[in-house]
Amino acid sequence: MSKLCRIVYCSRSLLTGSRADIELGIRKILATARLNNRAARLTGALTFTDSCFAQVLEGSLDDLASVFAKIRRDPRHT
């Protein structure tokens, strides 16, 4: 069994549009994250304020590294 590791990060949202557009964008992010995280054997939590995301992800180092590389390339935040 591999060692449990954790990544915690905050980022600035680049989502634009009306409040409804932004909420829809966040719902899409959550739906995708739930599927991808389950497939990668990760658990965690995502929170959002008016302009920022904060996320905690837990799993094996290899699984975390793969998913976090995708997160870092996501153009919806910086």
C-alpha atoms as a PDB file:
ATOM      1  CA  MET A   1       0.000   0.000   0.000  1.00  0.00           C
ATOM      2  CA  SER A   2       1.409   3.428  -0.897  1.00  0.00           C
ATOM      3  CA  LYS A   3       1.772   6.269   1.515  1.00  0.00           C
ATOM      4  CA  LEU A   4      -1.139   8.731   1.730  1.00  0.00           C
ATOM      5  CA  CYS A   5      -0.130  12.178   0.454  1.00  0.00           C
ATOM      6  CA  ARG A   6      -1.999  15.475   0.366  1.00  0.00           C
ATOM      7  CA  ILE A   7      -1.924  18.550  -1.882  1.00  0.00           C
ATOM      8  CA  VAL A   8      -3.581  21.786  -0.803  1.00  0.00           C
ATOM      9  CA  TYR A   9      -3.714  24.732  -3.189  1.00  0.00           C
ATOM     10  CA  CYS A  10      -5.515  28.007  -3.815  1.00  0.00           C
ATOM     11  CA  SER A  11      -5.952  29.675  -7.176  1.00  0.00           C
ATOM     12  CA  ARG A  12      -7.624  32.705  -8.683  1.00  0.00           C
ATOM     13  CA  SER A  13     -10.711  32.001 -10.796  1.00  0.00           C
ATOM     14  CA  LEU A  14     -10.736  33.129 -14.417  1.00  0.00           C
ATOM     15  CA  LEU A  15     -14.410  32.249 -14.898  1.00  0.00           C
ATOM     16  CA  THR A  16     -16.342  35.125 -16.428  1.00  0.00           C
ATOM     17  CA  GLY A  17     -19.940  35.994 -17.186  1.00  0.00           C
ATOM     18  CA  SER A  18     -23.033  36.431 -15.123  1.00  0.00           C
ATOM     19  CA  ARG A  19     -23.366  34.877 -11.685  1.00  0.00           C
ATOM     20  CA  ALA A  20     -25.459  32.120 -13.281  1.00  0.00           C
ATOM     21  CA  ASP A  21     -22.728  31.483 -15.887  1.00  0.00           C
ATOM     22  CA  ILE A  22     -20.087  31.219 -13.174  1.00  0.00           C
ATOM     23  CA  GLU A  23     -22.239  28.886 -11.072  1.00  0.00           C
ATOM     24  CA  LEU A  24     -22.780  26.659 -14.098  1.00  0.00           C
ATOM     25  CA  GLY A  25     -19.032  26.627 -14.735  1.00  0.00           C
ATOM     26  CA  ILE A  26     -18.374  25.599 -11.141  1.00  0.00           C
ATOM     27  CA  ARG A  27     -20.969  22.822 -11.345  1.00  0.00           C
ATOM     28  CA  LYS A  28     -19.218  21.507 -14.457  1.00  0.00           C
ATOM     29  CA  ILE A  29     -15.846  21.624 -12.689  1.00  0.00           C
ATOM     30  CA  LEU A  30     -17.289  19.697  -9.734  1.00  0.00           C
ATOM     31  CA  ALA A  31     -18.910  17.053 -11.927  1.00  0.00           C
ATOM     32  CA  THR A  32     -15.679  16.477 -13.853  1.00  0.00           C
ATOM     33  CA  ALA A  33     -13.545  16.511 -10.692  1.00  0.00           C
ATOM     34  CA  ARG A  34     -15.741  13.904  -9.020  1.00  0.00           C
ATOM     35  CA  LEU A  35     -15.380  11.530 -11.959  1.00  0.00           C
ATOM     36  CA  ASN A  36     -11.656  12.126 -12.486  1.00  0.00           C
ATOM     37  CA  ASN A  37     -10.783  11.941  -8.801  1.00  0.00           C
ATOM     38  CA  ARG A  38     -12.675   8.683  -8.335  1.00  0.00           C
ATOM     39  CA  ALA A  39     -10.948   7.178 -11.390  1.00  0.00           C
ATOM     40  CA  ALA A  40      -7.558   8.318 -10.020  1.00  0.00           C
ATOM     41  CA  ARG A  41      -8.360   6.933  -6.535  1.00  0.00           C
ATOM     42  CA  LEU A  42      -8.229  10.404  -4.961  1.00  0.00           C
ATOM     43  CA  THR A  43     -10.404  12.011  -2.331  1.00  0.00           C
ATOM     44  CA  GLY A  44     -10.669  15.657  -1.421  1.00  0.00           C
ATOM     45  CA  ALA A  45     -12.685  18.810  -1.191  1.00  0.00           C
ATOM     46  CA  LEU A  46     -13.123  21.871  -3.398  1.00  0.00           C
ATOM     47  CA  THR A  47     -14.391  25.249  -2.275  1.00  0.00           C
ATOM     48  CA  PHE A  48     -15.043  28.430  -4.200  1.00  0.00           C
ATOM     49  CA  THR A  49     -15.512  32.071  -3.264  1.00  0.00           C
ATOM     50  CA  ASP A  50     -16.362  34.909  -5.629  1.00  0.00           C
ATOM     51  CA  SER A  51     -12.873  34.859  -7.087  1.00  0.00           C
ATOM     52  CA  CYS A  52     -10.850  31.940  -5.696  1.00  0.00           C
ATOM     53  CA  PHE A  53     -10.713  28.178  -5.558  1.00  0.00           C
ATOM     54  CA  ALA A  54      -9.201  26.146  -2.736  1.00  0.00           C
ATOM     55  CA  GLN A  55      -8.804  22.405  -3.005  1.00  0.00           C
ATOM     56  CA  VAL A  56      -7.444  19.533  -0.937  1.00  0.00           C
ATOM     57  CA  LEU A  57      -6.615  16.278  -2.692  1.00  0.00           C
ATOM     58  CA  GLU A  58      -5.433  13.055  -1.051  1.00  0.00           C
ATOM     59  CA  GLY A  59      -4.096   9.861  -2.516  1.00  0.00           C
ATOM     60  CA  SER A  60      -0.870   8.229  -3.609  1.00  0.00           C
ATOM     61  CA  LEU A  61       1.926  10.513  -4.759  1.00  0.00           C
ATOM     62  CA  ASP A  62       1.828   9.177  -8.321  1.00  0.00           C
ATOM     63  CA  ASP A  63      -1.946   9.619  -8.619  1.00  0.00           C
ATOM     64  CA  LEU A  64      -1.781  13.108  -7.121  1.00  0.00           C
ATOM     65  CA  ALA A  65       1.037  14.175  -9.427  1.00  0.00           C
ATOM     66  CA  SER A  66      -0.865  13.093 -12.530  1.00  0.00           C
ATOM     67  CA  VAL A  67      -4.110  14.841 -11.586  1.00  0.00           C
ATOM     68  CA  PHE A  68      -2.400  17.986 -10.274  1.00  0.00           C
ATOM     69  CA  ALA A  69      -0.490  18.351 -13.553  1.00  0.00           C
ATOM     70  CA  LYS A  70      -3.869  18.510 -15.349  1.00  0.00           C
ATOM     71  CA  ILE A  71      -5.233  20.974 -12.777  1.00  0.00           C
ATOM     72  CA  ARG A  72      -2.244  23.271 -13.268  1.00  0.00           C
ATOM     73  CA  ARG A  73      -2.909  23.426 -17.031  1.00  0.00           C
ATOM     74  CA  ASP A  74      -6.621  24.228 -16.626  1.00  0.00           C
ATOM     75  CA  PRO A  75      -7.275  27.677 -18.170  1.00  0.00           C
ATOM     76  CA  ARG A  76     -10.202  28.397 -15.835  1.00  0.00           C
ATOM     77  CA  HIS A  77      -7.879  29.451 -13.022  1.00  0.00           C
ATOM     78  CA  THR A  78      -4.392  30.764 -12.368  1.00  0.00           C
END
